[in-house]
PDB file of N, CA and C in Angstrom:
ATOM      1  N   MET A   1     -25.008 240.148 107.904  1.00  0.00           N
ATOM      2  CA  MET A   1     -24.511 239.007 108.002  1.00  0.00           C
ATOM      3  C   MET A   1     -24.475 237.909 109.176  1.00  0.00           C
ATOM      4  N   ASN A   2     -25.506 237.190 109.078  1.00  0.00           N
ATOM      5  CA  ASN A   2     -25.561 236.165 110.234  1.00  0.00           C
ATOM      6  C   ASN A   2     -24.501 235.883 111.528  1.00  0.00           C
ATOM      7  N   PRO A   3     -23.913 236.388 112.534  1.00  0.00           N
ATOM      8  CA  PRO A   3     -23.044 236.113 113.170  1.00  0.00           C
ATOM      9  C   PRO A   3     -22.514 234.569 113.338  1.00  0.00           C
ATOM     10  N   GLU A   4     -23.458 233.888 113.425  1.00  0.00           N
ATOM     11  CA  GLU A   4     -22.986 232.142 113.782  1.00  0.00           C
ATOM     12  C   GLU A   4     -22.497 231.960 112.410  1.00  0.00           C
ATOM     13  N   LEU A   5     -22.834 232.124 111.102  1.00  0.00           N
ATOM     14  CA  LEU A   5     -22.859 231.732 109.973  1.00  0.00           C
ATOM     15  C   LEU A   5     -21.321 232.482 109.775  1.00  0.00           C
ATOM     16  N   GLU A   6     -21.126 233.551 109.911  1.00  0.00           N
ATOM     17  CA  GLU A   6     -19.664 234.255 109.959  1.00  0.00           C
ATOM     18  C   GLU A   6     -18.426 233.470 110.760  1.00  0.00           C
ATOM     19  N   GLU A   7     -19.188 233.032 111.997  1.00  0.00           N
ATOM     20  CA  GLU A   7     -18.119 232.149 112.904  1.00  0.00           C
ATOM     21  C   GLU A   7     -18.043 230.824 112.509  1.00  0.00           C
ATOM     22  N   ALA A   8     -19.249 230.533 111.732  1.00  0.00           N
ATOM     23  CA  ALA A   8     -18.609 228.997 111.109  1.00  0.00           C
ATOM     24  C   ALA A   8     -17.778 229.134 110.113  1.00  0.00           C
ATOM     25  N   ARG A   9     -17.675 229.943 109.357  1.00  0.00           N
ATOM     26  CA  ARG A   9     -16.760 230.333 108.284  1.00  0.00           C
ATOM     27  C   ARG A   9     -15.574 230.519 108.417  1.00  0.00           C
ATOM     28  N   GLU A  10     -15.580 231.203 109.217  1.00  0.00           N
ATOM     29  CA  GLU A  10     -13.858 231.415 110.268  1.00  0.00           C
ATOM     30  C   GLU A  10     -13.431 230.426 111.002  1.00  0.00           C
ATOM     31  N   THR A  11     -14.366 229.445 111.260  1.00  0.00           N
ATOM     32  CA  THR A  11     -13.625 228.579 112.116  1.00  0.00           C
ATOM     33  C   THR A  11     -13.301 227.367 111.139  1.00  0.00           C
ATOM     34  N   LEU A  12     -13.853 227.139 109.853  1.00  0.00           N
ATOM     35  CA  LEU A  12     -13.637 226.214 108.696  1.00  0.00           C
ATOM     36  C   LEU A  12     -12.555 226.733 107.895  1.00  0.00           C
ATOM     37  N   ASP A  13     -12.151 228.282 107.782  1.00  0.00           N
ATOM     38  CA  ASP A  13     -10.979 228.687 107.367  1.00  0.00           C
ATOM     39  C   ASP A  13     -10.017 228.300 108.200  1.00  0.00           C
ATOM     40  N   ILE A  14     -10.031 228.376 109.408  1.00  0.00           N
ATOM     41  CA  ILE A  14      -8.870 228.247 110.387  1.00  0.00           C
ATOM     42  C   ILE A  14      -8.365 226.512 110.330  1.00  0.00           C
ATOM     43  N   LEU A  15      -9.389 225.645 110.503  1.00  0.00           N
ATOM     44  CA  LEU A  15      -9.347 224.126 110.443  1.00  0.00           C
ATOM     45  C   LEU A  15      -8.623 223.948 108.714  1.00  0.00           C
ATOM     46  N   PHE A  16      -9.187 224.488 107.838  1.00  0.00           N
ATOM     47  CA  PHE A  16      -8.508 224.620 106.572  1.00  0.00           C
ATOM     48  C   PHE A  16      -6.827 224.813 106.224  1.00  0.00           C
ATOM     49  N   GLU A  17      -6.767 225.792 107.198  1.00  0.00           N
ATOM     50  CA  GLU A  17      -5.223 226.281 107.526  1.00  0.00           C
ATOM     51  C   GLU A  17      -4.314 225.296 107.762  1.00  0.00           C
ATOM     52  N   ILE A  18      -5.100 224.388 109.125  1.00  0.00           N
ATOM     53  CA  ILE A  18      -4.580 223.912 109.542  1.00  0.00           C
ATOM     54  C   ILE A  18      -4.406 222.704 108.906  1.00  0.00           C
ATOM     55  N   SER A  19      -5.129 222.217 108.428  1.00  0.00           N
ATOM     56  CA  SER A  19      -5.280 220.836 107.634  1.00  0.00           C
ATOM     57  C   SER A  19      -4.180 221.240 106.135  1.00  0.00           C
ATOM     58  N   GLN A  20      -4.049 222.404 106.176  1.00  0.00           N
ATOM     59  CA  GLN A  20      -2.892 222.723 104.647  1.00  0.00           C
ATOM     60  C   GLN A  20      -1.432 222.746 105.232  1.00  0.00           C
ATOM     61  N   ILE A  21      -1.168 222.961 106.481  1.00  0.00           N
ATOM     62  CA  ILE A  21      -0.140 222.912 107.366  1.00  0.00           C
ATOM     63  C   ILE A  21       0.170 221.301 107.543  1.00  0.00           C
ATOM     64  N   LEU A  22      -0.429 220.719 108.235  1.00  0.00           N
ATOM     65  CA  LEU A  22      -0.451 219.306 108.170  1.00  0.00           C
ATOM     66  C   LEU A  22      -0.286 218.507 107.222  1.00  0.00           C
ATOM     67  N   ASN A  23      -0.620 219.421 106.028  1.00  0.00           N
ATOM     68  CA  ASN A  23      -0.580 218.331 104.486  1.00  0.00           C
ATOM     69  C   ASN A  23      -1.644 217.286 104.526  1.00  0.00           C
ATOM     70  N   CYS A  24      -2.808 217.543 104.917  1.00  0.00           N
ATOM     71  CA  CYS A  24      -3.768 216.560 105.210  1.00  0.00           C
ATOM     72  C   CYS A  24      -4.610 215.934 103.758  1.00  0.00           C
ATOM     73  N   GLY A  25      -4.686 216.891 102.961  1.00  0.00           N
ATOM     74  CA  GLY A  25      -4.933 216.704 101.538  1.00  0.00           C
ATOM     75  C   GLY A  25      -6.636 216.652 101.548  1.00  0.00           C
ATOM     76  N   LEU A  26      -6.922 217.921 102.200  1.00  0.00           N
ATOM     77  CA  LEU A  26      -8.691 217.798 102.146  1.00  0.00           C
ATOM     78  C   LEU A  26      -8.925 219.198 101.830  1.00  0.00           C
ATOM     79  N   ASP A  27      -9.697 219.343 101.070  1.00  0.00           N
ATOM     80  CA  ASP A  27     -10.307 220.500 100.486  1.00  0.00           C
ATOM     81  C   ASP A  27     -11.752 221.000 101.661  1.00  0.00           C
ATOM     82  N   LYS A  28     -11.891 222.249 101.622  1.00  0.00           N
ATOM     83  CA  LYS A  28     -12.689 222.950 102.372  1.00  0.00           C
ATOM     84  C   LYS A  28     -14.075 222.171 102.448  1.00  0.00           C
ATOM     85  N   GLN A  29     -14.671 221.915 101.202  1.00  0.00           N
ATOM     86  CA  GLN A  29     -15.808 220.885 101.250  1.00  0.00           C
ATOM     87  C   GLN A  29     -15.858 219.696 102.418  1.00  0.00           C
ATOM     88  N   THR A  30     -14.516 218.833 101.729  1.00  0.00           N
ATOM     89  CA  THR A  30     -14.644 217.696 102.669  1.00  0.00           C
ATOM     90  C   THR A  30     -14.315 217.914 103.756  1.00  0.00           C
ATOM     91  N   LEU A  31     -13.395 219.168 104.452  1.00  0.00           N
ATOM     92  CA  LEU A  31     -12.974 219.162 105.840  1.00  0.00           C
ATOM     93  C   LEU A  31     -14.436 219.594 106.528  1.00  0.00           C
ATOM     94  N   SER A  32     -15.278 220.484 105.641  1.00  0.00           N
ATOM     95  CA  SER A  32     -16.699 221.012 106.054  1.00  0.00           C
ATOM     96  C   SER A  32     -17.578 219.452 106.482  1.00  0.00           C
ATOM     97  N   LEU A  33     -17.478 218.792 105.726  1.00  0.00           N
ATOM     98  CA  LEU A  33     -18.214 217.176 105.932  1.00  0.00           C
ATOM     99  C   LEU A  33     -17.764 216.598 106.872  1.00  0.00           C
ATOM    100  N   LEU A  34     -16.541 216.441 106.853  1.00  0.00           N
ATOM    101  CA  LEU A  34     -15.880 215.916 108.161  1.00  0.00           C
ATOM    102  C   LEU A  34     -16.405 216.425 109.577  1.00  0.00           C
ATOM    103  N   THR A  35     -16.128 217.587 109.463  1.00  0.00           N
ATOM    104  CA  THR A  35     -16.451 218.499 110.823  1.00  0.00           C
ATOM    105  C   THR A  35     -17.942 218.221 111.170  1.00  0.00           C
ATOM    106  N   SER A  36     -18.652 218.395 110.196  1.00  0.00           N
ATOM    107  CA  SER A  36     -20.172 218.266 110.570  1.00  0.00           C
ATOM    108  C   SER A  36     -20.123 216.761 110.959  1.00  0.00           C
ATOM    109  N   LEU A  37     -20.052 215.629 110.857  1.00  0.00           N
ATOM    110  CA  LEU A  37     -19.815 214.383 111.026  1.00  0.00           C
ATOM    111  C   LEU A  37     -19.489 214.332 112.532  1.00  0.00           C
ATOM    112  N   CYS A  38     -18.450 214.930 112.729  1.00  0.00           N
ATOM    113  CA  CYS A  38     -17.971 214.819 114.190  1.00  0.00           C
ATOM    114  C   CYS A  38     -18.826 215.615 115.147  1.00  0.00           C
ATOM    115  N   GLU A  39     -19.222 217.122 114.549  1.00  0.00           N
ATOM    116  CA  GLU A  39     -20.362 217.497 115.382  1.00  0.00           C
ATOM    117  C   GLU A  39     -21.886 216.419 115.696  1.00  0.00           C
ATOM    118  N   ASN A  40     -21.896 215.842 115.086  1.00  0.00           N
ATOM    119  CA  ASN A  40     -23.233 215.053 115.122  1.00  0.00           C
ATOM    120  C   ASN A  40     -22.861 213.309 115.582  1.00  0.00           C
ATOM    121  N   GLY A  41     -21.864 213.047 116.078  1.00  0.00           N
ATOM    122  CA  GLY A  41     -21.693 212.295 117.012  1.00  0.00           C
ATOM    123  C   GLY A  41     -20.582 211.110 116.399  1.00  0.00           C
ATOM    124  N   VAL A  42     -20.119 211.205 115.278  1.00  0.00           N
ATOM    125  CA  VAL A  42     -19.189 210.117 114.528  1.00  0.00           C
ATOM    126  C   VAL A  42     -17.810 210.419 115.240  1.00  0.00           C
ATOM    127  N   ASN A  43     -17.518 209.495 115.654  1.00  0.00           N
ATOM    128  CA  ASN A  43     -16.055 209.108 116.396  1.00  0.00           C
ATOM    129  C   ASN A  43     -15.113 209.679 115.699  1.00  0.00           C
ATOM    130  N   PRO A  44     -14.504 210.772 115.481  1.00  0.00           N
ATOM    131  CA  PRO A  44     -13.454 211.247 114.980  1.00  0.00           C
ATOM    132  C   PRO A  44     -12.324 210.372 114.920  1.00  0.00           C
ATOM    133  N   GLN A  45     -11.728 209.700 115.589  1.00  0.00           N
ATOM    134  CA  GLN A  45     -10.690 208.918 115.338  1.00  0.00           C
ATOM    135  C   GLN A  45     -11.221 207.503 114.221  1.00  0.00           C
ATOM    136  N   ALA A  46     -12.113 207.187 114.478  1.00  0.00           N
ATOM    137  CA  ALA A  46     -12.505 206.229 113.082  1.00  0.00           C
ATOM    138  C   ALA A  46     -12.568 207.092 112.140  1.00  0.00           C
ATOM    139  N   LEU A  47     -13.095 208.221 112.006  1.00  0.00           N
ATOM    140  CA  LEU A  47     -13.522 208.560 110.781  1.00  0.00           C
ATOM    141  C   LEU A  47     -11.704 208.932 110.177  1.00  0.00           C
ATOM    142  N   ALA A  48     -11.140 209.356 110.884  1.00  0.00           N
ATOM    143  CA  ALA A  48      -9.543 209.867 110.524  1.00  0.00           C
ATOM    144  C   ALA A  48      -9.074 208.524 109.872  1.00  0.00           C
ATOM    145  N   GLU A  49      -9.279 207.526 110.501  1.00  0.00           N
ATOM    146  CA  GLU A  49      -8.922 206.182 109.748  1.00  0.00           C
ATOM    147  C   GLU A  49      -9.562 205.665 108.360  1.00  0.00           C
ATOM    148  N   VAL A  50     -10.817 206.270 108.286  1.00  0.00           N
ATOM    149  CA  VAL A  50     -11.648 205.923 107.026  1.00  0.00           C
ATOM    150  C   VAL A  50     -10.969 206.754 105.969  1.00  0.00           C
ATOM    151  N   VAL A  51     -10.901 208.269 106.397  1.00  0.00           N
ATOM    152  CA  VAL A  51     -10.389 209.067 105.260  1.00  0.00           C
ATOM    153  C   VAL A  51      -8.821 208.345 104.612  1.00  0.00           C
ATOM    154  N   LYS A  52      -8.426 208.566 106.005  1.00  0.00           N
ATOM    155  CA  LYS A  52      -6.560 207.554 105.536  1.00  0.00           C
ATOM    156  C   LYS A  52      -6.757 206.438 104.722  1.00  0.00           C
ATOM    157  N   GLU A  53      -7.668 205.615 105.018  1.00  0.00           N
ATOM    158  CA  GLU A  53      -8.001 204.348 104.473  1.00  0.00           C
ATOM    159  C   GLU A  53      -8.218 204.861 102.450  1.00  0.00           C
ATOM    160  N   LEU A  54      -9.118 205.822 102.748  1.00  0.00           N
ATOM    161  CA  LEU A  54      -9.717 206.280 101.285  1.00  0.00           C
ATOM    162  C   LEU A  54      -8.442 206.978 100.602  1.00  0.00           C
ATOM    163  N   GLN A  55      -7.767 207.596 101.025  1.00  0.00           N
ATOM    164  CA  GLN A  55      -6.696 208.080 100.579  1.00  0.00           C
ATOM    165  C   GLN A  55      -5.731 207.253 100.037  1.00  0.00           C
ATOM    166  N   ARG A  56      -5.131 206.349 100.708  1.00  0.00           N
ATOM    167  CA  ARG A  56      -4.566 205.139 100.688  1.00  0.00           C
ATOM    168  C   ARG A  56      -5.025 204.455  99.091  1.00  0.00           C
ATOM    169  N   GLU A  57      -6.172 203.845  99.397  1.00  0.00           N
ATOM    170  CA  GLU A  57      -6.978 203.502  98.206  1.00  0.00           C
ATOM    171  C   GLU A  57      -6.941 204.238  96.947  1.00  0.00           C
ATOM    172  N   ALA A  58      -7.208 205.745  96.964  1.00  0.00           N
ATOM    173  CA  ALA A  58      -7.094 206.371  95.829  1.00  0.00           C
ATOM    174  C   ALA A  58      -5.825 206.325  95.078  1.00  0.00           C
ATOM    175  N   MET A  59      -4.899 206.368  95.836  1.00  0.00           N
ATOM    176  CA  MET A  59      -3.393 206.874  95.597  1.00  0.00           C
ATOM    177  C   MET A  59      -2.905 205.183  94.973  1.00  0.00           C
ATOM    178  N   SER A  60      -3.617 204.008  95.649  1.00  0.00           N
ATOM    179  CA  SER A  60      -3.182 202.619  94.837  1.00  0.00           C
ATOM    180  C   SER A  60      -3.415 202.929  93.357  1.00  0.00           C
ATOM    181  N   LEU A  61      -4.904 203.238  93.232  1.00  0.00           N
ATOM    182  CA  LEU A  61      -5.862 203.159  91.795  1.00  0.00           C
ATOM    183  C   LEU A  61      -4.957 204.376  91.186  1.00  0.00           C
ATOM    184  N   ASN A  62      -4.315 205.309  91.617  1.00  0.00           N
ATOM    185  CA  ASN A  62      -3.546 206.681  90.758  1.00  0.00           C
ATOM    186  C   ASN A  62      -2.225 205.416  90.293  1.00  0.00           C
ATOM    187  N   ILE A  63      -1.619 205.088  90.895  1.00  0.00           N
ATOM    188  CA  ILE A  63      -0.529 204.179  90.574  1.00  0.00           C
ATOM    189  C   ILE A  63      -0.742 203.384  89.497  1.00  0.00           C
ATOM    190  N   ALA A  64      -1.928 202.168  90.052  1.00  0.00           N
ATOM    191  CA  ALA A  64      -2.436 201.266  88.917  1.00  0.00           C
ATOM    192  C   ALA A  64      -2.705 201.708  87.669  1.00  0.00           C
ATOM    193  N   ASN A  65      -3.269 202.925  87.491  1.00  0.00           N
ATOM    194  CA  ASN A  65      -3.495 203.500  86.354  1.00  0.00           C
ATOM    195  C   ASN A  65      -2.650 204.045  85.455  1.00  0.00           C
ATOM    196  N   ASN A  66      -1.470 204.764  86.055  1.00  0.00           N
ATOM    197  CA  ASN A  66      -0.449 204.758  85.394  1.00  0.00           C
ATOM    198  C   ASN A  66       0.902 204.173  84.983  1.00  0.00           C
TER     199      ASN A  66
END
């Protein structure tokens, strides 16, 4: 297997474990996309704010629908 690909998978696994410990509510696919955005220059703090806002909005919609 490609060593770079294996290293990327291992890094994602570690980030996912940290995300689970911190109860971030992110799946591996979302975490991978967010990591890629950060690697491509998106401001991590701004990205975190967007994610938190989207999670709040989703929670509001779930409450409204129940």
